[in-house]
């Protein structure tokens, strides 16, 4: 639920706008509101799980998520939907770190990569499946069908609560571990301000209030790191980054999820609005990613256990970079079925190779007692990557589109040759940027990610 709701909205946005009468700015916030609260609060969710019990906090997150999903289904106007999406993101921030941390604690280190691979497969498949689910549902129903995209969370949430109730027998808490409230507030303010500024820049709003909020966000992020350095009970212990494997794996996570999020958001708009591909046809581009992640994550999670995650991540990230490069080269040909689909197949195969070893590298670099915090940091970076990708690449797309001679805006429904060519040029720029990030991830993994048991790394610290 938490992952799919981050990527299902873009494919449904035309229907949402037509039924609710949302402006372009409101449409942007319907998508980004979820990512703002998720990215800014997910570190807090990880810290709460360690302090009050992973299962308990996980269940509270599920309750908040399904309640806000219900409000999404009945939202009467764009502003109400934005508020409901903000609450959804807060619920997801409590759910997501706990899920990985519970798995990490439940399995011994020699088989943990396999278990994390299954978790990574589920999370990454649903991330990539968001556009597919949205496209199928909208094709089967009318414009109001977008409401059921959120409504499906209700039975799934109830099932998840039942599974947690009967599946978690011991829910260890650490009452001696205070929650870093000041750090949580600074993280939320900093990430929220940054997201607000990038979203406003996407709409070419460069007024003084936008600049002021952006500077305040940067200041809050700087103060957050100062707070984490000084406090005795940090929500993001900076000493974790002394471990090169932990640092490199998190940097690679950010870069790879940035590219994936940008592609998931901007490719459907190009092929639907520019090339006339149907919504359900546009979802085919993401099917290889879902399939390969589902088929390969557990296998390559075992490979990470056996050979170490560094070389596996490097090879997978190199494939992802190659796939994005193919996308950039192929886009001007407007060859969807025999151009875009094969390129996305390469990207999907590479992501299937890399997802589980990335999570395994992060969780293997820390002690079990810090698994909630480590999971929160890694998931925060992947969600922050998605948030910044949509906002920052929106600014890049708008700039390249206008300089390429476009007379409307990226993603508008129009088939004029100038409009379509400008969108293709803008998306190619996004694809090249994503390829560069994936190539950087490959190099980081090869140079710095080692097979380092958490106990040993902790002892060195």
Protein backbone atom coordinates (compact mmCIF):
# COMPACT_ATOMS: atom_id res chain seq x y z
CA UNK A 1 0.00 0.00 0.00
CA UNK A 2 2.67 2.45 1.01
CA UNK A 3 4.79 2.04 -2.10
CA UNK A 4 2.06 1.77 -4.71
CA UNK A 5 0.32 4.96 -3.61
CA UNK A 6 3.50 6.89 -4.35
CA UNK A 7 3.41 6.01 -8.07
CA UNK A 8 -0.22 5.26 -8.92
CA UNK A 9 -1.38 8.88 -9.10
CA UNK A 10 0.42 10.18 -12.25
CA UNK A 11 -1.41 7.81 -14.60
CA UNK A 12 -4.72 8.77 -12.97
CA UNK A 13 -4.04 12.51 -12.90
CA UNK A 14 -5.98 13.41 -16.08
CA UNK A 15 -9.08 11.70 -14.68
CA UNK A 16 -8.62 13.31 -11.25
CA UNK A 17 -8.26 16.75 -12.80
CA UNK A 18 -11.33 16.34 -14.99
CA UNK A 19 -13.62 15.11 -12.19
CA UNK A 20 -12.43 17.50 -9.47
CA UNK A 21 -11.57 20.48 -11.67
CA UNK A 22 -8.01 20.66 -10.32
CA UNK A 23 -5.56 23.24 -11.61
CA UNK A 24 -2.04 22.28 -12.67
CA UNK A 25 -0.64 23.49 -9.34
CA UNK A 26 -3.24 21.49 -7.41
CA UNK A 27 -2.48 18.43 -9.54
CA UNK A 28 1.19 18.74 -8.68
CA UNK A 29 0.38 18.86 -4.98
CA UNK A 30 -2.03 15.92 -5.18
CA UNK A 31 1.01 13.91 -6.27
CA UNK A 32 3.66 15.57 -4.10
CA UNK A 33 1.69 15.96 -0.84
CA UNK A 34 2.05 12.23 -0.17
CA UNK A 35 5.79 12.31 -0.81
CA UNK A 36 6.31 15.45 1.32
CA UNK A 37 5.00 13.93 4.56
CA UNK A 38 6.40 10.47 3.78
CA UNK A 39 9.89 11.77 3.10
CA UNK A 40 9.93 14.25 5.99
CA UNK A 41 8.52 11.90 8.65
CA UNK A 42 9.94 8.50 7.71
CA UNK A 43 13.02 8.97 9.89
CA UNK A 44 10.70 9.68 12.80
CA UNK A 45 8.78 6.49 11.97
CA UNK A 46 11.96 4.43 12.19
CA UNK A 47 12.92 6.00 15.53
CA UNK A 48 9.40 5.48 16.93
CA UNK A 49 9.58 1.80 15.95
CA UNK A 50 12.80 1.27 17.89
CA UNK A 51 11.42 3.16 20.90
CA UNK A 52 7.82 1.91 21.17
CA UNK A 53 7.93 -1.43 19.30
CA UNK A 54 8.06 -2.11 15.58
CA UNK A 55 4.78 -4.02 15.41
CA UNK A 56 2.89 -1.44 17.46
CA UNK A 57 4.05 1.55 15.40
CA UNK A 58 3.56 -0.41 12.17
CA UNK A 59 -0.08 -1.08 13.13
CA UNK A 60 -0.72 2.57 14.01
CA UNK A 61 0.66 3.54 10.61
CA UNK A 62 -1.68 1.08 8.88
CA UNK A 63 -4.69 2.50 10.73
CA UNK A 64 -3.80 6.06 9.75
CA UNK A 65 -3.14 5.00 6.18
CA UNK A 66 -6.45 3.23 5.62
CA UNK A 67 -8.41 6.04 7.32
CA UNK A 68 -6.82 8.65 5.05
CA UNK A 69 -7.34 6.36 2.03
CA UNK A 70 -11.04 6.38 2.82
CA UNK A 71 -11.04 10.18 2.76
CA UNK A 72 -9.22 10.08 -0.58
CA UNK A 73 -12.04 8.00 -2.09
CA UNK A 74 -14.71 10.52 -1.06
CA UNK A 75 -12.74 13.74 -1.56
CA UNK A 76 -15.18 16.36 -2.94
CA UNK A 77 -12.54 18.81 -4.21
CA UNK A 78 -8.80 19.07 -4.90
CA UNK A 79 -7.94 20.69 -1.58
CA UNK A 80 -9.62 17.88 0.38
CA UNK A 81 -7.71 15.30 -1.66
CA UNK A 82 -4.42 17.11 -0.98
CA UNK A 83 -5.08 17.05 2.79
CA UNK A 84 -5.96 13.35 2.65
CA UNK A 85 -2.76 12.63 0.73
CA UNK A 86 -0.73 14.47 3.37
CA UNK A 87 -2.25 12.18 6.03
CA UNK A 88 -1.57 9.14 3.84
CA UNK A 89 2.10 10.03 3.69
CA UNK A 90 2.26 10.30 7.49
CA UNK A 91 0.75 6.82 7.82
CA UNK A 92 3.20 5.40 5.29
CA UNK A 93 6.08 6.99 7.22
CA UNK A 94 5.13 4.84 10.21
CA UNK A 95 4.58 1.67 8.15
CA UNK A 96 7.49 1.45 5.75
CA UNK A 97 10.56 1.46 8.06
CA UNK A 98 8.95 -1.03 10.43
CA UNK A 99 8.31 -3.58 7.70
CA UNK A 100 11.97 -3.95 6.74
CA UNK A 101 13.22 -3.71 10.31
CA UNK A 102 10.88 -6.51 11.47
CA UNK A 103 12.22 -8.79 8.74
CA UNK A 104 15.81 -7.85 9.54
CA UNK A 105 15.32 -8.78 13.21
CA UNK A 106 13.48 -12.02 12.44
CA UNK A 107 16.20 -13.74 10.39
CA UNK A 108 19.85 -14.63 11.17
CA UNK A 109 22.47 -12.84 9.11
CA UNK A 110 23.43 -15.84 6.97
CA UNK A 111 19.96 -16.02 5.36
CA UNK A 112 18.79 -12.45 5.90
CA UNK A 113 19.63 -11.38 2.34
CA UNK A 114 17.10 -13.90 1.00
CA UNK A 115 14.37 -12.60 3.29
CA UNK A 116 15.22 -8.98 2.51
CA UNK A 117 15.11 -9.93 -1.16
CA UNK A 118 11.49 -11.01 -0.76
CA UNK A 119 10.68 -7.74 1.02
CA UNK A 120 12.51 -5.74 -1.65
CA UNK A 121 10.64 -7.60 -4.38
CA UNK A 122 7.31 -6.74 -2.82
CA UNK A 123 8.15 -3.09 -2.26
CA UNK A 124 9.80 -2.48 -5.62
CA UNK A 125 7.19 -4.44 -7.60
CA UNK A 126 4.39 -2.37 -6.11
CA UNK A 127 6.35 0.83 -6.76
CA UNK A 128 6.71 -0.10 -10.42
CA UNK A 129 3.17 -1.53 -10.58
CA UNK A 130 1.52 1.76 -9.59
CA UNK A 131 1.06 3.01 -13.16
CA UNK A 132 -0.03 -0.48 -14.27
CA UNK A 133 -2.76 -0.75 -11.62
CA UNK A 134 -3.96 2.78 -12.32
CA UNK A 135 -4.01 2.27 -16.08
CA UNK A 136 -5.94 -1.00 -15.91
CA UNK A 137 -8.53 0.34 -13.48
CA UNK A 138 -9.09 3.53 -15.47
CA UNK A 139 -9.41 1.58 -18.71
CA UNK A 140 -12.03 -0.74 -17.19
CA UNK A 141 -14.08 2.03 -15.58
CA UNK A 142 -15.04 5.64 -16.12
CA UNK A 143 -13.33 8.84 -14.95
CA UNK A 144 -14.51 8.34 -11.35
CA UNK A 145 -12.68 5.00 -11.24
CA UNK A 146 -9.62 6.78 -9.81
CA UNK A 147 -11.34 6.73 -6.41
CA UNK A 148 -11.06 2.93 -6.29
CA UNK A 149 -7.30 3.25 -6.65
CA UNK A 150 -7.36 4.48 -3.05
CA UNK A 151 -10.35 2.37 -1.98
CA UNK A 152 -8.48 -0.88 -2.58
CA UNK A 153 -6.28 0.04 0.41
CA UNK A 154 -9.17 -0.57 2.83
CA UNK A 155 -9.41 -4.41 2.61
CA UNK A 156 -5.63 -4.69 2.21
CA UNK A 157 -5.11 -2.62 5.36
CA UNK A 158 -7.48 -4.76 7.40
CA UNK A 159 -5.72 -7.92 6.19
CA UNK A 160 -2.34 -6.42 7.14
CA UNK A 161 -3.58 -5.62 10.66
CA UNK A 162 -4.75 -9.22 11.11
CA UNK A 163 -1.38 -10.54 9.93
CA UNK A 164 0.50 -8.26 12.33
CA UNK A 165 -1.78 -9.20 15.22
CA UNK A 166 -1.16 -12.94 14.82
CA UNK A 167 2.31 -12.87 13.27
CA UNK A 168 4.30 -10.68 15.68
CA UNK A 169 4.82 -12.65 18.89
CA UNK A 170 7.53 -10.48 20.46
CA UNK A 171 7.62 -6.74 19.92
CA UNK A 172 10.75 -5.51 21.65
CA UNK A 173 10.73 -1.91 22.88
CA UNK A 174 13.52 0.35 24.09
CA UNK A 175 11.98 2.59 26.76
CA UNK A 176 15.44 3.94 27.56
CA UNK A 177 15.75 5.38 24.03
CA UNK A 178 14.14 8.87 23.92
CA UNK A 179 12.78 10.09 20.60
CA UNK A 180 14.70 13.00 19.11
CA UNK A 181 11.75 15.40 18.83
CA UNK A 182 13.91 18.39 17.87
CA UNK A 183 15.58 16.36 15.12
CA UNK A 184 12.21 15.13 13.88
CA UNK A 185 10.85 18.69 13.69
CA UNK A 186 13.94 19.97 11.88
CA UNK A 187 13.88 17.08 9.38
CA UNK A 188 10.19 17.64 8.64
CA UNK A 189 10.67 21.40 8.28
CA UNK A 190 13.77 21.07 6.11
CA UNK A 191 12.45 18.42 3.74
CA UNK A 192 9.02 20.01 3.60
CA UNK A 193 10.51 23.43 2.76
CA UNK A 194 12.76 21.93 0.11
CA UNK A 195 9.87 20.04 -1.46
CA UNK A 196 7.66 23.14 -1.42
CA UNK A 197 10.36 25.21 -3.13
CA UNK A 198 11.12 22.64 -5.83
CA UNK A 199 7.42 22.21 -6.56
CA UNK A 200 6.93 25.97 -6.88
CA UNK A 201 9.97 26.23 -9.17
CA UNK A 202 8.40 23.53 -11.34
CA UNK A 203 5.53 25.94 -11.92
CA UNK A 204 7.99 28.76 -12.67
CA UNK A 205 7.05 30.56 -9.44
CA UNK A 206 10.32 32.24 -8.47
CA UNK A 207 8.92 34.93 -6.21
CA UNK A 208 10.58 36.07 -2.98
CA UNK A 209 8.37 33.84 -0.83
CA UNK A 210 9.56 30.77 -2.75
CA UNK A 211 13.19 31.76 -2.27
CA UNK A 212 12.62 32.49 1.43
CA UNK A 213 10.98 29.12 2.08
CA UNK A 214 13.76 27.37 0.18
CA UNK A 215 16.46 29.07 2.24
CA UNK A 216 14.58 28.24 5.44
CA UNK A 217 14.41 24.59 4.36
CA UNK A 218 18.15 24.46 3.70
CA UNK A 219 18.83 26.11 7.07
CA UNK A 220 16.59 23.56 8.82
CA UNK A 221 18.44 20.67 7.17
CA UNK A 222 21.80 22.10 8.29
CA UNK A 223 20.47 22.52 11.84
CA UNK A 224 19.17 18.94 11.69
CA UNK A 225 22.69 17.62 11.10
CA UNK A 226 24.01 19.83 13.90
CA UNK A 227 21.33 18.45 16.22
CA UNK A 228 22.11 14.85 15.24
CA UNK A 229 25.80 15.44 15.96
CA UNK A 230 25.20 16.98 19.38
CA UNK A 231 22.30 14.99 20.85
CA UNK A 232 22.87 11.83 22.89
CA UNK A 233 19.91 10.07 21.26
CA UNK A 234 19.90 10.97 17.54
CA UNK A 235 17.19 9.74 15.20
CA UNK A 236 19.85 9.53 12.46
CA UNK A 237 23.15 8.61 14.15
CA UNK A 238 25.89 10.17 12.06
CA UNK A 239 28.38 7.55 13.21
CA UNK A 240 26.61 5.07 10.93
CA UNK A 241 28.13 6.90 7.99
CA UNK A 242 31.63 6.02 9.16
CA UNK A 243 30.91 2.64 7.62
CA UNK A 244 31.73 3.02 3.91
CA UNK A 245 29.33 0.24 2.95
CA UNK A 246 26.43 1.96 4.72
CA UNK A 247 27.24 5.34 3.15
CA UNK A 248 27.81 4.03 -0.37
CA UNK A 249 24.69 1.81 -0.32
CA UNK A 250 22.51 4.72 0.76
CA UNK A 251 24.03 7.01 -1.88
CA UNK A 252 23.38 4.37 -4.54
CA UNK A 253 19.81 3.96 -3.26
CA UNK A 254 19.17 7.68 -3.65
CA UNK A 255 20.59 7.81 -7.16
CA UNK A 256 18.78 4.71 -8.47
CA UNK A 257 15.39 5.59 -6.96
CA UNK A 258 15.75 9.14 -8.29
CA UNK A 259 16.00 7.84 -11.85
CA UNK A 260 13.23 5.29 -11.41
CA UNK A 261 10.83 7.86 -9.91
CA UNK A 262 11.55 10.39 -12.66
CA UNK A 263 10.89 7.76 -15.34
CA UNK A 264 7.70 6.51 -13.68
CA UNK A 265 6.35 10.05 -13.53
CA UNK A 266 7.37 11.60 -16.86
CA UNK A 267 7.32 8.71 -19.35
CA UNK A 268 3.53 8.08 -19.15
CA UNK A 269 2.82 11.76 -19.82
CA UNK A 270 4.98 11.68 -22.95
CA UNK A 271 3.52 8.54 -24.49
CA UNK A 272 -0.11 9.24 -23.55
CA UNK A 273 -0.31 13.00 -24.12
CA UNK A 274 2.24 13.16 -26.94
CA UNK A 275 2.16 9.87 -28.80
CA UNK A 276 -1.49 8.91 -28.25
CA UNK A 277 -0.79 5.61 -26.49
CA UNK A 278 -3.73 4.53 -24.33
CA UNK A 279 -3.38 4.47 -20.55
CA UNK A 280 -3.41 0.69 -20.46
CA UNK A 281 -0.91 0.58 -23.31
CA UNK A 282 1.37 2.98 -21.45
CA UNK A 283 1.46 0.63 -18.45
CA UNK A 284 3.15 -2.07 -20.57
CA UNK A 285 6.40 -0.08 -20.36
CA UNK A 286 6.55 -0.74 -16.62
CA UNK A 287 5.56 -4.40 -16.73
CA UNK A 288 9.15 -5.65 -17.32
CA UNK A 289 10.34 -3.81 -14.22
CA UNK A 290 7.66 -5.41 -12.07
CA UNK A 291 8.28 -8.87 -13.53
CA UNK A 292 12.06 -8.81 -13.24
CA UNK A 293 12.04 -7.37 -9.73
CA UNK A 294 9.60 -10.09 -8.64
CA UNK A 295 11.59 -12.89 -10.29
CA UNK A 296 15.13 -11.77 -9.51
CA UNK A 297 15.10 -10.07 -6.10
CA UNK A 298 15.18 -13.23 -4.00
CA UNK A 299 17.78 -14.85 -6.26
CA UNK A 300 20.11 -11.87 -6.13
CA UNK A 301 19.45 -11.46 -2.42
CA UNK A 302 20.98 -14.94 -2.04
CA UNK A 303 23.82 -13.91 -4.34
CA UNK A 304 24.51 -10.95 -2.04
CA UNK A 305 24.67 -13.35 0.93
CA UNK A 306 27.13 -15.57 -0.91
CA UNK A 307 29.40 -13.19 -2.82
CA UNK A 308 28.84 -9.86 -1.09
CA UNK A 309 26.53 -7.13 -2.39
CA UNK A 310 29.07 -4.75 -3.98
CA UNK A 311 29.74 -6.50 -7.28
CA UNK A 312 26.10 -7.49 -7.70
CA UNK A 313 24.92 -3.90 -7.17
CA UNK A 314 27.58 -2.55 -9.53
CA UNK A 315 26.56 -4.89 -12.36
CA UNK A 316 22.85 -4.17 -11.91
CA UNK A 317 23.34 -0.40 -11.77
CA UNK A 318 25.45 -0.51 -14.95
CA UNK A 319 22.56 -2.25 -16.72
CA UNK A 320 20.16 0.41 -15.46
CA UNK A 321 22.44 3.16 -16.79
CA UNK A 322 22.60 1.44 -20.18
CA UNK A 323 18.81 1.15 -20.28
CA UNK A 324 18.28 4.85 -19.56
CA UNK A 325 20.81 5.71 -22.25
CA UNK A 326 18.83 3.59 -24.72
CA UNK A 327 15.66 5.46 -23.73
CA UNK A 328 17.28 8.82 -24.43
CA UNK A 329 18.49 7.67 -27.86
CA UNK A 330 15.24 5.94 -28.87
CA UNK A 331 12.69 8.57 -27.80
CA UNK A 332 12.97 10.75 -30.97
CA UNK A 333 12.01 7.75 -33.11
CA UNK A 334 8.58 7.55 -31.40
CA UNK A 335 8.93 3.76 -31.53
CA UNK A 336 7.02 2.70 -28.43
CA UNK A 337 6.58 -1.05 -28.82
CA UNK A 338 9.96 -1.92 -30.35
CA UNK A 339 12.00 0.91 -28.85
CA UNK A 340 10.73 2.09 -25.47
CA UNK A 341 9.61 -1.37 -24.30
CA UNK A 342 13.01 -3.07 -24.93
CA UNK A 343 14.85 -0.18 -23.26
CA UNK A 344 12.58 -0.40 -20.21
CA UNK A 345 13.17 -4.16 -20.18
CA UNK A 346 16.90 -3.51 -19.74
CA UNK A 347 16.16 -1.01 -16.94
CA UNK A 348 13.80 -3.49 -15.28
CA UNK A 349 16.33 -6.31 -15.42
CA UNK A 350 18.98 -4.09 -13.85
CA UNK A 351 16.65 -2.95 -11.07
CA UNK A 352 15.72 -6.58 -10.42
CA UNK A 353 19.40 -7.34 -9.90
CA UNK A 354 20.13 -4.39 -7.62
CA UNK A 355 17.11 -3.90 -5.32
CA UNK A 356 17.64 -6.72 -2.80
CA UNK A 357 21.45 -6.41 -2.50
CA UNK A 358 21.07 -2.68 -1.77
CA UNK A 359 18.75 -3.35 1.17
CA UNK A 360 20.94 -6.23 2.30
CA UNK A 361 24.06 -4.03 2.25
CA UNK A 362 22.40 -1.34 4.36
CA UNK A 363 20.94 -3.70 6.95
CA UNK A 364 24.10 -5.82 7.10
CA UNK A 365 26.20 -2.82 8.06
CA UNK A 366 24.43 -2.18 11.40
CA UNK A 367 23.63 -4.02 14.61
CA UNK A 368 20.14 -5.49 15.05
CA UNK A 369 19.36 -2.95 17.77
CA UNK A 370 19.71 -0.16 15.20
CA UNK A 371 17.80 -1.90 12.42
CA UNK A 372 14.79 0.40 12.72
CA UNK A 373 16.92 3.52 12.38
CA UNK A 374 18.93 2.04 9.50
CA UNK A 375 15.76 1.00 7.70
CA UNK A 376 14.25 4.44 8.28
CA UNK A 377 17.32 6.16 6.84
CA UNK A 378 17.43 3.95 3.75
CA UNK A 379 13.71 4.25 3.10
CA UNK A 380 13.81 7.98 3.76
CA UNK A 381 16.50 8.41 1.12
CA UNK A 382 14.54 6.41 -1.45
CA UNK A 383 11.37 8.45 -0.76
CA UNK A 384 13.29 11.74 -0.70
CA UNK A 385 14.80 10.72 -4.03
CA UNK A 386 11.31 10.26 -5.46
CA UNK A 387 10.12 13.57 -4.08
CA UNK A 388 13.10 15.54 -5.39
CA UNK A 389 13.07 13.68 -8.71
CA UNK A 390 9.50 14.70 -9.53
CA UNK A 391 10.01 18.30 -8.43
CA UNK A 392 13.53 18.90 -9.76
CA UNK A 393 13.07 16.99 -13.03
CA UNK A 394 9.82 18.92 -13.50
CA UNK A 395 11.88 22.10 -13.51
CA UNK A 396 14.36 20.51 -15.94
CA UNK A 397 11.55 19.27 -18.19
CA UNK A 398 9.91 22.70 -18.23
CA UNK A 399 13.20 24.44 -19.09
CA UNK A 400 14.23 22.02 -21.85
CA UNK A 401 10.68 21.95 -23.23
CA UNK A 402 10.55 25.74 -23.56
CA UNK A 403 14.04 26.03 -25.05
CA UNK A 404 13.13 23.31 -27.57
CA UNK A 405 10.30 25.49 -28.89
CA UNK A 406 7.32 24.04 -27.03
CA UNK A 407 4.34 26.41 -26.83
CA UNK A 408 2.27 24.62 -24.16
CA UNK A 409 3.67 22.67 -21.18
CA UNK A 410 5.10 19.19 -20.70
CA UNK A 411 2.34 16.60 -20.44
CA UNK A 412 -0.55 18.61 -21.90
CA UNK A 413 -2.84 16.69 -24.23
CA UNK A 414 -1.90 17.96 -27.70
CA UNK A 415 -0.46 16.35 -30.82
CA UNK A 416 1.17 19.25 -32.64
CA UNK A 417 4.59 18.31 -33.98
CA UNK A 418 6.37 21.14 -32.14
CA UNK A 419 4.76 20.23 -28.83
CA UNK A 420 5.59 16.52 -29.18
CA UNK A 421 9.19 17.13 -30.26
CA UNK A 422 9.75 19.48 -27.34
CA UNK A 423 8.42 16.86 -24.92
CA UNK A 424 10.69 14.22 -26.44
CA UNK A 425 13.71 16.49 -26.04
CA UNK A 426 12.75 17.18 -22.42
CA UNK A 427 12.31 13.49 -21.59
CA UNK A 428 15.61 12.60 -23.27
CA UNK A 429 17.33 15.09 -20.94
CA UNK A 430 15.69 13.37 -17.95
CA UNK A 431 16.78 9.95 -19.23
CA UNK A 432 20.42 11.07 -19.70
CA UNK A 433 20.43 12.54 -16.20
CA UNK A 434 19.08 9.26 -14.78
CA UNK A 435 21.70 7.29 -16.73
CA UNK A 436 24.49 9.40 -15.22
CA UNK A 437 23.15 8.78 -11.70
CA UNK A 438 22.90 5.02 -12.29
CA UNK A 439 26.47 4.92 -13.64
CA UNK A 440 27.66 6.77 -10.54
CA UNK A 441 25.86 4.17 -8.38
CA UNK A 442 27.66 1.38 -10.21
CA UNK A 443 31.02 2.97 -9.51
CA UNK A 444 30.22 3.63 -5.83
CA UNK A 445 29.17 0.02 -5.32
CA UNK A 446 32.27 -1.37 -6.98
CA UNK A 447 34.64 0.81 -4.96
CA UNK A 448 33.08 1.05 -1.53
CA UNK A 449 30.44 -1.60 -0.78
CA UNK A 450 31.95 -4.53 1.06
CA UNK A 451 30.56 -7.54 2.87
CA UNK A 452 30.74 -6.13 6.39
CA UNK A 453 28.85 -7.85 9.24
CA UNK A 454 27.19 -5.28 11.46
CA UNK A 455 28.82 -6.56 14.59
CA UNK A 456 32.28 -6.16 13.19
CA UNK A 457 31.60 -2.71 11.80
CA UNK A 458 30.14 -1.66 15.10
CA UNK A 459 33.21 -2.93 16.92
CA UNK A 460 35.44 -0.84 14.69
CA UNK A 461 33.37 2.21 15.48
